[in-house]
Amino acid sequence: MAVPPIAKATLQAALISAGSNVLAQGIKSYRADRSDLRNQIPFELDVESLTQFATCAIVISPLGYLWLGGLEAWFPGRESKGEKGKGGQSTSEPSLNATNTVAKIVIDQTIGGAWNTVLFITTMGMLRGMGYDAILAEIQEDFWSIMFAGLKFWPLVSILNFAVVPANRRMLVGNLFGVLWGIYLSLLSG
């Protein structure tokens, strides 16, 4: 039985997010050891943090998968130009639709970035047992700093993803770049 693409993408995201968190914990441990050379402590994995990040990916990834599919459906990135061959199929490679690609990048970086940031903060807050008011305060405190940091990183990923990567591989490519982003978020969120 074949695994549905959305399930495969979610599992990949959870594993990659878990890996990002372990790397971030290693970086934190290394920094702590370097700052206090007299009291070096062996690295201890924070399983709770690891579980929270993996669970957050399981919650958010299906929505990201649907988001990317919706963007491609609304703004197809490739268009066939050329003569029709046998059976009415195009004889040339589809060309990049620059207008739709730019639209997807802008929408993904504004609307997609905003809801993804809020969803991340909310999900992590809920997984940490925070109440509504505390989560709302954290959104108000962290939203813009995460969004601005994301705008220094994710537009390049979006350009690559929407201009070069086939639609069925975009989630994986985003997740792979997400290793760096996951390290940043893990370090940011403590």
N, C-alpha and C. Protein backbone atom coordinates (compact mmCIF):
# COMPACT_ATOMS: atom_id res chain seq x y z
N MET A 1 0.84 -1.18 0.00
CA MET A 1 0.00 0.00 0.00
C MET A 1 0.89 1.25 0.00
N ALA A 2 0.61 2.16 -0.89
CA ALA A 2 1.40 3.39 -1.01
C ALA A 2 1.01 4.39 0.08
N VAL A 3 2.00 5.08 0.57
CA VAL A 3 1.78 6.11 1.58
C VAL A 3 1.32 7.37 0.86
N PRO A 4 0.22 7.99 1.31
CA PRO A 4 -0.23 9.24 0.67
C PRO A 4 0.86 10.32 0.75
N PRO A 5 0.98 11.14 -0.30
CA PRO A 5 2.02 12.17 -0.31
C PRO A 5 1.98 13.10 0.90
N ILE A 6 0.80 13.43 1.36
CA ILE A 6 0.69 14.35 2.51
C ILE A 6 1.26 13.69 3.77
N ALA A 7 1.06 12.38 3.92
CA ALA A 7 1.60 11.66 5.07
C ALA A 7 3.12 11.56 4.98
N LYS A 8 3.62 11.29 3.77
CA LYS A 8 5.07 11.21 3.57
C LYS A 8 5.72 12.56 3.87
N ALA A 9 5.11 13.63 3.39
CA ALA A 9 5.65 14.97 3.63
C ALA A 9 5.63 15.31 5.12
N THR A 10 4.59 14.90 5.82
CA THR A 10 4.48 15.17 7.25
C THR A 10 5.53 14.40 8.03
N LEU A 11 5.74 13.13 7.68
CA LEU A 11 6.77 12.34 8.35
C LEU A 11 8.16 12.92 8.09
N GLN A 12 8.43 13.31 6.85
CA GLN A 12 9.71 13.94 6.54
C GLN A 12 9.90 15.20 7.37
N ALA A 13 8.86 16.02 7.45
CA ALA A 13 8.95 17.27 8.21
C ALA A 13 9.21 17.00 9.69
N ALA A 14 8.54 16.00 10.25
CA ALA A 14 8.73 15.68 11.67
C ALA A 14 10.16 15.21 11.93
N LEU A 15 10.69 14.36 11.06
CA LEU A 15 12.05 13.87 11.24
C LEU A 15 13.08 15.00 11.07
N ILE A 16 12.86 15.85 10.08
CA ILE A 16 13.78 16.96 9.85
C ILE A 16 13.70 17.97 11.00
N SER A 17 12.50 18.22 11.49
CA SER A 17 12.34 19.14 12.62
C SER A 17 13.02 18.58 13.87
N ALA A 18 12.87 17.29 14.09
CA ALA A 18 13.53 16.66 15.23
C ALA A 18 15.04 16.79 15.09
N GLY A 19 15.54 16.55 13.90
CA GLY A 19 16.98 16.70 13.66
C GLY A 19 17.46 18.11 13.90
N SER A 20 16.68 19.09 13.47
CA SER A 20 17.03 20.50 13.70
C SER A 20 17.12 20.80 15.18
N ASN A 21 16.17 20.26 15.93
CA ASN A 21 16.15 20.52 17.36
C ASN A 21 17.36 19.88 18.04
N VAL A 22 17.72 18.68 17.64
CA VAL A 22 18.91 18.03 18.22
C VAL A 22 20.16 18.84 17.90
N LEU A 23 20.28 19.31 16.65
CA LEU A 23 21.42 20.16 16.29
C LEU A 23 21.44 21.43 17.12
N ALA A 24 20.28 22.05 17.31
CA ALA A 24 20.21 23.28 18.11
C ALA A 24 20.60 23.00 19.56
N GLN A 25 20.15 21.88 20.10
CA GLN A 25 20.54 21.52 21.47
C GLN A 25 22.05 21.32 21.56
N GLY A 26 22.62 20.71 20.53
CA GLY A 26 24.07 20.52 20.51
C GLY A 26 24.80 21.84 20.47
N ILE A 27 24.29 22.78 19.68
CA ILE A 27 24.90 24.12 19.60
C ILE A 27 24.80 24.82 20.95
N LYS A 28 23.64 24.74 21.60
CA LYS A 28 23.47 25.35 22.93
C LYS A 28 24.45 24.75 23.94
N SER A 29 24.56 23.43 23.90
CA SER A 29 25.45 22.75 24.83
C SER A 29 26.91 23.15 24.58
N TYR A 30 27.29 23.23 23.33
CA TYR A 30 28.65 23.63 22.98
C TYR A 30 28.92 25.05 23.46
N ARG A 31 27.97 25.94 23.22
CA ARG A 31 28.14 27.33 23.67
C ARG A 31 28.27 27.41 25.18
N ALA A 32 27.45 26.65 25.89
CA ALA A 32 27.50 26.66 27.35
C ALA A 32 28.84 26.13 27.85
N ASP A 33 29.33 25.06 27.23
CA ASP A 33 30.62 24.50 27.63
C ASP A 33 31.75 25.48 27.37
N ARG A 34 31.68 26.19 26.25
CA ARG A 34 32.74 27.14 25.89
C ARG A 34 32.74 28.34 26.83
N SER A 35 31.57 28.72 27.32
CA SER A 35 31.51 29.91 28.19
C SER A 35 31.93 29.58 29.62
N ASP A 36 31.84 28.32 30.01
CA ASP A 36 32.22 27.93 31.37
C ASP A 36 33.12 26.70 31.30
N LEU A 37 34.38 26.92 31.00
CA LEU A 37 35.32 25.82 30.77
C LEU A 37 35.60 25.00 32.04
N ARG A 38 35.34 25.57 33.22
CA ARG A 38 35.59 24.83 34.46
C ARG A 38 34.52 23.78 34.75
N ASN A 39 33.30 24.04 34.33
CA ASN A 39 32.19 23.15 34.67
C ASN A 39 31.56 22.53 33.42
N GLN A 40 32.34 21.88 32.61
CA GLN A 40 31.80 21.27 31.40
C GLN A 40 30.93 20.08 31.77
N ILE A 41 29.75 20.07 31.17
CA ILE A 41 28.76 19.02 31.43
C ILE A 41 28.55 18.24 30.14
N PRO A 42 28.45 16.93 30.23
CA PRO A 42 28.19 16.17 29.00
C PRO A 42 26.82 16.54 28.43
N PHE A 43 26.73 16.45 27.12
CA PHE A 43 25.48 16.78 26.42
C PHE A 43 24.37 15.84 26.87
N GLU A 44 23.24 16.43 27.23
CA GLU A 44 22.05 15.65 27.58
C GLU A 44 20.92 16.11 26.68
N LEU A 45 20.34 15.17 25.97
CA LEU A 45 19.24 15.47 25.06
C LEU A 45 17.99 15.85 25.83
N ASP A 46 17.40 16.98 25.48
CA ASP A 46 16.14 17.42 26.06
C ASP A 46 15.02 16.78 25.23
N VAL A 47 14.55 15.64 25.69
CA VAL A 47 13.56 14.86 24.94
C VAL A 47 12.23 15.62 24.84
N GLU A 48 11.89 16.38 25.86
CA GLU A 48 10.64 17.14 25.83
C GLU A 48 10.66 18.17 24.70
N SER A 49 11.75 18.91 24.57
CA SER A 49 11.88 19.89 23.49
C SER A 49 11.86 19.20 22.13
N LEU A 50 12.58 18.10 22.02
CA LEU A 50 12.61 17.33 20.78
C LEU A 50 11.20 16.88 20.38
N THR A 51 10.46 16.36 21.34
CA THR A 51 9.09 15.90 21.09
C THR A 51 8.19 17.06 20.70
N GLN A 52 8.35 18.20 21.34
CA GLN A 52 7.52 19.36 21.01
C GLN A 52 7.77 19.81 19.58
N PHE A 53 9.02 19.88 19.16
CA PHE A 53 9.32 20.33 17.80
C PHE A 53 8.82 19.33 16.75
N ALA A 54 8.99 18.04 17.02
CA ALA A 54 8.51 17.03 16.08
C ALA A 54 6.98 17.06 16.01
N THR A 55 6.32 17.21 17.14
CA THR A 55 4.86 17.28 17.18
C THR A 55 4.36 18.52 16.46
N CYS A 56 5.04 19.62 16.66
CA CYS A 56 4.67 20.87 15.98
C CYS A 56 4.73 20.67 14.47
N ALA A 57 5.76 19.99 13.99
CA ALA A 57 5.88 19.71 12.55
C ALA A 57 4.74 18.82 12.07
N ILE A 58 4.34 17.86 12.89
CA ILE A 58 3.24 16.97 12.52
C ILE A 58 1.94 17.76 12.40
N VAL A 59 1.75 18.76 13.24
CA VAL A 59 0.54 19.59 13.20
C VAL A 59 0.57 20.55 12.00
N ILE A 60 1.70 21.21 11.78
CA ILE A 60 1.78 22.27 10.79
C ILE A 60 1.98 21.75 9.36
N SER A 61 2.73 20.68 9.20
CA SER A 61 3.11 20.22 7.86
C SER A 61 1.95 19.89 6.92
N PRO A 62 0.90 19.22 7.38
CA PRO A 62 -0.20 18.97 6.44
C PRO A 62 -0.81 20.26 5.89
N LEU A 63 -0.87 21.27 6.73
CA LEU A 63 -1.39 22.56 6.26
C LEU A 63 -0.44 23.20 5.25
N GLY A 64 0.86 23.08 5.49
CA GLY A 64 1.86 23.58 4.54
C GLY A 64 1.79 22.85 3.22
N TYR A 65 1.57 21.56 3.27
CA TYR A 65 1.43 20.75 2.06
C TYR A 65 0.23 21.22 1.24
N LEU A 66 -0.89 21.39 1.92
CA LEU A 66 -2.10 21.88 1.25
C LEU A 66 -1.91 23.30 0.73
N TRP A 67 -1.21 24.11 1.48
CA TRP A 67 -0.92 25.50 1.07
C TRP A 67 -0.14 25.52 -0.24
N LEU A 68 0.94 24.74 -0.30
CA LEU A 68 1.76 24.71 -1.51
C LEU A 68 0.97 24.18 -2.70
N GLY A 69 0.15 23.17 -2.46
CA GLY A 69 -0.69 22.64 -3.53
C GLY A 69 -1.71 23.66 -4.01
N GLY A 70 -2.29 24.39 -3.06
CA GLY A 70 -3.25 25.44 -3.42
C GLY A 70 -2.61 26.56 -4.21
N LEU A 71 -1.43 26.98 -3.80
CA LEU A 71 -0.73 28.03 -4.55
C LEU A 71 -0.47 27.59 -5.99
N GLU A 72 -0.05 26.35 -6.16
CA GLU A 72 0.24 25.86 -7.51
C GLU A 72 -1.04 25.76 -8.34
N ALA A 73 -2.14 25.37 -7.70
CA ALA A 73 -3.41 25.28 -8.43
C ALA A 73 -3.92 26.66 -8.83
N TRP A 74 -3.78 27.63 -7.93
CA TRP A 74 -4.26 28.99 -8.21
C TRP A 74 -3.36 29.73 -9.18
N PHE A 75 -2.06 29.47 -9.08
CA PHE A 75 -1.08 30.17 -9.91
C PHE A 75 -0.12 29.16 -10.54
N PRO A 76 -0.56 28.45 -11.58
CA PRO A 76 0.32 27.43 -12.18
C PRO A 76 1.66 28.03 -12.59
N GLY A 77 2.72 27.34 -12.23
CA GLY A 77 4.06 27.86 -12.47
C GLY A 77 4.61 27.57 -13.86
N ARG A 78 3.99 26.65 -14.55
CA ARG A 78 4.46 26.28 -15.89
C ARG A 78 3.31 26.38 -16.87
N GLU A 79 3.64 26.81 -18.08
CA GLU A 79 2.63 26.88 -19.13
C GLU A 79 3.21 26.30 -20.41
N SER A 80 2.39 25.58 -21.12
CA SER A 80 2.84 24.98 -22.37
C SER A 80 2.77 26.00 -23.49
N LYS A 81 3.87 26.16 -24.17
CA LYS A 81 3.93 27.02 -25.35
C LYS A 81 4.57 26.18 -26.44
N GLY A 82 3.96 26.09 -27.52
CA GLY A 82 4.55 25.30 -28.59
C GLY A 82 3.49 24.57 -29.38
N GLU A 83 3.96 23.84 -30.34
CA GLU A 83 3.05 23.14 -31.22
C GLU A 83 2.59 21.86 -30.57
N LYS A 84 1.40 21.46 -30.94
CA LYS A 84 0.84 20.22 -30.44
C LYS A 84 1.29 19.06 -31.32
N GLY A 85 1.68 17.98 -30.68
CA GLY A 85 2.09 16.78 -31.40
C GLY A 85 0.94 15.80 -31.45
N LYS A 86 1.25 14.55 -31.61
CA LYS A 86 0.24 13.50 -31.65
C LYS A 86 -0.51 13.47 -30.33
N GLY A 87 -1.77 13.26 -30.42
CA GLY A 87 -2.60 13.18 -29.23
C GLY A 87 -2.86 14.52 -28.58
N GLY A 88 -2.50 15.63 -29.21
CA GLY A 88 -2.78 16.96 -28.68
C GLY A 88 -1.82 17.41 -27.59
N GLN A 89 -0.75 16.65 -27.35
CA GLN A 89 0.20 17.04 -26.31
C GLN A 89 1.27 17.97 -26.88
N SER A 90 1.76 18.85 -26.03
CA SER A 90 2.78 19.81 -26.43
C SER A 90 4.09 19.08 -26.73
N THR A 91 4.80 19.56 -27.72
CA THR A 91 6.07 18.95 -28.10
C THR A 91 7.26 19.62 -27.43
N SER A 92 7.04 20.70 -26.69
CA SER A 92 8.15 21.39 -26.02
C SER A 92 7.94 21.36 -24.51
N GLU A 93 9.03 21.63 -23.79
CA GLU A 93 8.97 21.71 -22.33
C GLU A 93 8.12 22.91 -21.93
N PRO A 94 7.30 22.76 -20.88
CA PRO A 94 6.55 23.93 -20.41
C PRO A 94 7.50 25.01 -19.92
N SER A 95 7.14 26.26 -20.17
CA SER A 95 7.99 27.37 -19.75
C SER A 95 7.48 27.96 -18.43
N LEU A 96 8.39 28.61 -17.74
CA LEU A 96 8.06 29.22 -16.46
C LEU A 96 7.11 30.40 -16.68
N ASN A 97 6.04 30.43 -15.93
CA ASN A 97 5.12 31.56 -15.95
C ASN A 97 5.62 32.53 -14.87
N ALA A 98 6.35 33.55 -15.29
CA ALA A 98 7.00 34.47 -14.35
C ALA A 98 5.99 35.22 -13.48
N THR A 99 4.88 35.64 -14.07
CA THR A 99 3.87 36.39 -13.30
C THR A 99 3.32 35.54 -12.17
N ASN A 100 2.95 34.31 -12.48
CA ASN A 100 2.41 33.42 -11.45
C ASN A 100 3.47 33.05 -10.41
N THR A 101 4.70 32.90 -10.85
CA THR A 101 5.78 32.55 -9.92
C THR A 101 6.01 33.69 -8.93
N VAL A 102 6.05 34.92 -9.42
CA VAL A 102 6.21 36.08 -8.54
C VAL A 102 5.02 36.19 -7.59
N ALA A 103 3.82 35.96 -8.11
CA ALA A 103 2.62 36.02 -7.25
C ALA A 103 2.71 34.99 -6.12
N LYS A 104 3.13 33.77 -6.45
CA LYS A 104 3.26 32.73 -5.42
C LYS A 104 4.30 33.12 -4.38
N ILE A 105 5.41 33.67 -4.82
CA ILE A 105 6.47 34.06 -3.88
C ILE A 105 5.96 35.14 -2.92
N VAL A 106 5.31 36.16 -3.47
CA VAL A 106 4.81 37.26 -2.64
C VAL A 106 3.74 36.76 -1.67
N ILE A 107 2.79 35.99 -2.16
CA ILE A 107 1.71 35.47 -1.30
C ILE A 107 2.29 34.54 -0.24
N ASP A 108 3.23 33.68 -0.63
CA ASP A 108 3.82 32.74 0.32
C ASP A 108 4.59 33.48 1.41
N GLN A 109 5.30 34.53 1.05
CA GLN A 109 6.12 35.24 2.03
C GLN A 109 5.30 36.17 2.93
N THR A 110 4.16 36.60 2.49
CA THR A 110 3.33 37.49 3.31
C THR A 110 2.26 36.69 4.06
N ILE A 111 1.27 36.23 3.35
CA ILE A 111 0.16 35.51 3.99
C ILE A 111 0.65 34.19 4.58
N GLY A 112 1.36 33.40 3.76
CA GLY A 112 1.86 32.11 4.24
C GLY A 112 2.82 32.25 5.41
N GLY A 113 3.73 33.20 5.31
CA GLY A 113 4.68 33.43 6.39
C GLY A 113 3.99 33.84 7.68
N ALA A 114 2.98 34.70 7.56
CA ALA A 114 2.26 35.17 8.75
C ALA A 114 1.50 34.05 9.43
N TRP A 115 0.71 33.29 8.66
CA TRP A 115 -0.07 32.24 9.34
C TRP A 115 0.84 31.13 9.85
N ASN A 116 1.93 30.85 9.16
CA ASN A 116 2.85 29.82 9.62
C ASN A 116 3.53 30.25 10.93
N THR A 117 3.88 31.52 11.03
CA THR A 117 4.50 32.03 12.25
C THR A 117 3.53 31.96 13.42
N VAL A 118 2.31 32.42 13.21
CA VAL A 118 1.30 32.36 14.27
C VAL A 118 1.00 30.91 14.66
N LEU A 119 0.89 30.05 13.67
CA LEU A 119 0.61 28.64 13.94
C LEU A 119 1.76 27.99 14.72
N PHE A 120 3.00 28.32 14.37
CA PHE A 120 4.15 27.78 15.11
C PHE A 120 4.11 28.24 16.57
N ILE A 121 3.97 29.54 16.79
CA ILE A 121 3.97 30.07 18.16
C ILE A 121 2.81 29.47 18.95
N THR A 122 1.64 29.39 18.34
CA THR A 122 0.45 28.85 19.02
C THR A 122 0.64 27.37 19.36
N THR A 123 1.09 26.59 18.39
CA THR A 123 1.26 25.16 18.61
C THR A 123 2.30 24.89 19.68
N MET A 124 3.45 25.57 19.59
CA MET A 124 4.48 25.38 20.61
C MET A 124 3.97 25.81 21.99
N GLY A 125 3.22 26.90 22.04
CA GLY A 125 2.66 27.34 23.32
C GLY A 125 1.71 26.31 23.90
N MET A 126 0.86 25.74 23.06
CA MET A 126 -0.07 24.72 23.54
C MET A 126 0.69 23.47 24.00
N LEU A 127 1.71 23.07 23.25
CA LEU A 127 2.49 21.90 23.64
C LEU A 127 3.25 22.12 24.94
N ARG A 128 3.53 23.37 25.26
CA ARG A 128 4.23 23.70 26.51
C ARG A 128 3.26 24.00 27.65
N GLY A 129 1.96 23.81 27.40
CA GLY A 129 0.96 23.98 28.44
C GLY A 129 0.59 25.42 28.74
N MET A 130 0.88 26.33 27.82
CA MET A 130 0.56 27.73 28.03
C MET A 130 -0.93 27.97 27.80
N GLY A 131 -1.48 28.93 28.49
CA GLY A 131 -2.88 29.31 28.31
C GLY A 131 -3.04 30.30 27.16
N TYR A 132 -4.29 30.58 26.85
CA TYR A 132 -4.63 31.47 25.73
C TYR A 132 -3.94 32.84 25.85
N ASP A 133 -4.05 33.45 27.03
CA ASP A 133 -3.47 34.79 27.22
C ASP A 133 -1.95 34.79 27.06
N ALA A 134 -1.30 33.75 27.57
CA ALA A 134 0.16 33.66 27.46
C ALA A 134 0.57 33.45 26.00
N ILE A 135 -0.18 32.63 25.27
CA ILE A 135 0.12 32.41 23.85
C ILE A 135 -0.08 33.69 23.06
N LEU A 136 -1.17 34.39 23.34
CA LEU A 136 -1.44 35.65 22.66
C LEU A 136 -0.32 36.66 22.93
N ALA A 137 0.13 36.73 24.18
CA ALA A 137 1.23 37.63 24.53
C ALA A 137 2.51 37.24 23.79
N GLU A 138 2.76 35.94 23.67
CA GLU A 138 3.95 35.48 22.95
C GLU A 138 3.87 35.81 21.46
N ILE A 139 2.67 35.68 20.89
CA ILE A 139 2.49 36.06 19.47
C ILE A 139 2.80 37.55 19.31
N GLN A 140 2.26 38.37 20.20
CA GLN A 140 2.49 39.81 20.12
C GLN A 140 3.96 40.15 20.31
N GLU A 141 4.65 39.39 21.15
CA GLU A 141 6.05 39.67 21.44
C GLU A 141 6.99 39.17 20.33
N ASP A 142 6.72 37.98 19.77
CA ASP A 142 7.67 37.33 18.88
C ASP A 142 7.33 37.39 17.40
N PHE A 143 6.08 37.71 17.05
CA PHE A 143 5.65 37.62 15.65
C PHE A 143 6.55 38.40 14.69
N TRP A 144 6.74 39.68 14.95
CA TRP A 144 7.48 40.52 14.00
C TRP A 144 8.95 40.15 13.91
N SER A 145 9.55 39.79 15.04
CA SER A 145 10.96 39.41 14.97
C SER A 145 11.15 38.13 14.16
N ILE A 146 10.24 37.16 14.30
CA ILE A 146 10.32 35.93 13.51
C ILE A 146 10.03 36.23 12.04
N MET A 147 9.02 37.04 11.78
CA MET A 147 8.69 37.39 10.39
C MET A 147 9.86 38.08 9.70
N PHE A 148 10.46 39.06 10.36
CA PHE A 148 11.57 39.79 9.74
C PHE A 148 12.79 38.87 9.55
N ALA A 149 13.05 38.01 10.51
CA ALA A 149 14.14 37.04 10.35
C ALA A 149 13.83 36.12 9.17
N GLY A 150 12.58 35.70 9.07
CA GLY A 150 12.18 34.82 7.97
C GLY A 150 12.32 35.49 6.61
N LEU A 151 12.08 36.78 6.55
CA LEU A 151 12.20 37.50 5.28
C LEU A 151 13.65 37.65 4.82
N LYS A 152 14.59 37.34 5.70
CA LYS A 152 16.00 37.34 5.31
C LYS A 152 16.42 35.98 4.77
N PHE A 153 15.57 34.98 4.93
CA PHE A 153 15.93 33.61 4.59
C PHE A 153 14.98 32.97 3.58
N TRP A 154 13.68 32.99 3.87
CA TRP A 154 12.71 32.23 3.10
C TRP A 154 12.45 32.74 1.68
N PRO A 155 12.57 34.02 1.35
CA PRO A 155 12.34 34.41 -0.04
C PRO A 155 13.26 33.69 -1.03
N LEU A 156 14.50 33.49 -0.66
CA LEU A 156 15.42 32.77 -1.54
C LEU A 156 14.97 31.32 -1.73
N VAL A 157 14.48 30.71 -0.66
CA VAL A 157 13.97 29.34 -0.75
C VAL A 157 12.74 29.32 -1.64
N SER A 158 11.86 30.30 -1.49
CA SER A 158 10.65 30.37 -2.32
C SER A 158 10.98 30.55 -3.80
N ILE A 159 11.95 31.41 -4.08
CA ILE A 159 12.34 31.61 -5.48
C ILE A 159 12.84 30.29 -6.06
N LEU A 160 13.73 29.63 -5.34
CA LEU A 160 14.23 28.33 -5.80
C LEU A 160 13.09 27.33 -5.95
N ASN A 161 12.25 27.24 -4.94
CA ASN A 161 11.17 26.27 -4.94
C ASN A 161 10.19 26.50 -6.09
N PHE A 162 9.73 27.72 -6.26
CA PHE A 162 8.69 27.99 -7.25
C PHE A 162 9.23 28.11 -8.67
N ALA A 163 10.51 28.44 -8.83
CA ALA A 163 11.05 28.61 -10.17
C ALA A 163 11.75 27.36 -10.70
N VAL A 164 12.29 26.53 -9.82
CA VAL A 164 13.12 25.42 -10.28
C VAL A 164 12.59 24.04 -9.86
N VAL A 165 12.14 23.92 -8.63
CA VAL A 165 11.78 22.62 -8.06
C VAL A 165 10.40 22.19 -8.55
N PRO A 166 10.26 20.92 -8.97
CA PRO A 166 8.94 20.42 -9.35
C PRO A 166 7.97 20.49 -8.16
N ALA A 167 6.70 20.71 -8.44
CA ALA A 167 5.70 20.91 -7.39
C ALA A 167 5.68 19.77 -6.38
N ASN A 168 5.89 18.54 -6.82
CA ASN A 168 5.80 17.41 -5.90
C ASN A 168 7.03 17.28 -4.99
N ARG A 169 8.04 18.10 -5.16
CA ARG A 169 9.26 18.06 -4.33
C ARG A 169 9.43 19.32 -3.48
N ARG A 170 8.52 20.26 -3.59
CA ARG A 170 8.69 21.55 -2.90
C ARG A 170 8.66 21.42 -1.39
N MET A 171 7.81 20.57 -0.88
CA MET A 171 7.72 20.40 0.57
C MET A 171 9.04 19.84 1.11
N LEU A 172 9.60 18.86 0.42
CA LEU A 172 10.87 18.28 0.85
C LEU A 172 11.98 19.32 0.81
N VAL A 173 12.07 20.08 -0.26
CA VAL A 173 13.11 21.12 -0.37
C VAL A 173 12.92 22.15 0.74
N GLY A 174 11.69 22.57 0.96
CA GLY A 174 11.41 23.51 2.05
C GLY A 174 11.81 22.94 3.40
N ASN A 175 11.53 21.65 3.60
CA ASN A 175 11.89 21.01 4.87
C ASN A 175 13.41 20.93 5.04
N LEU A 176 14.12 20.66 3.96
CA LEU A 176 15.58 20.59 4.06
C LEU A 176 16.17 21.95 4.42
N PHE A 177 15.67 23.01 3.79
CA PHE A 177 16.11 24.35 4.20
C PHE A 177 15.61 24.66 5.60
N GLY A 178 14.52 24.01 5.95
CA GLY A 178 13.96 24.19 7.28
C GLY A 178 14.86 23.70 8.40
N VAL A 179 15.89 22.90 8.07
CA VAL A 179 16.85 22.48 9.09
C VAL A 179 17.49 23.72 9.70
N LEU A 180 17.95 24.63 8.83
CA LEU A 180 18.56 25.87 9.32
C LEU A 180 17.56 26.72 10.09
N TRP A 181 16.35 26.82 9.54
CA TRP A 181 15.31 27.61 10.19
C TRP A 181 14.91 26.98 11.53
N GLY A 182 14.84 25.66 11.55
CA GLY A 182 14.50 24.95 12.79
C GLY A 182 15.55 25.16 13.88
N ILE A 183 16.81 25.20 13.48
CA ILE A 183 17.87 25.50 14.45
C ILE A 183 17.67 26.91 15.00
N TYR A 184 17.39 27.86 14.11
CA TYR A 184 17.15 29.23 14.56
C TYR A 184 15.97 29.29 15.54
N LEU A 185 14.84 28.65 15.17
CA LEU A 185 13.66 28.68 16.05
C LEU A 185 13.92 27.96 17.36
N SER A 186 14.65 26.85 17.31
CA SER A 186 14.98 26.13 18.55
C SER A 186 15.83 26.99 19.47
N LEU A 187 16.82 27.67 18.90
CA LEU A 187 17.66 28.54 19.71
C LEU A 187 16.87 29.73 20.25
N LEU A 188 15.95 30.23 19.43
CA LEU A 188 15.14 31.38 19.81
C LEU A 188 14.17 31.03 20.94
N SER A 189 13.55 29.85 20.82
CA SER A 189 12.48 29.51 21.76
C SER A 189 12.98 28.88 23.05
N GLY A 190 14.24 28.62 23.14
CA GLY A 190 14.80 28.13 24.39
C GLY A 190 14.64 26.68 24.66
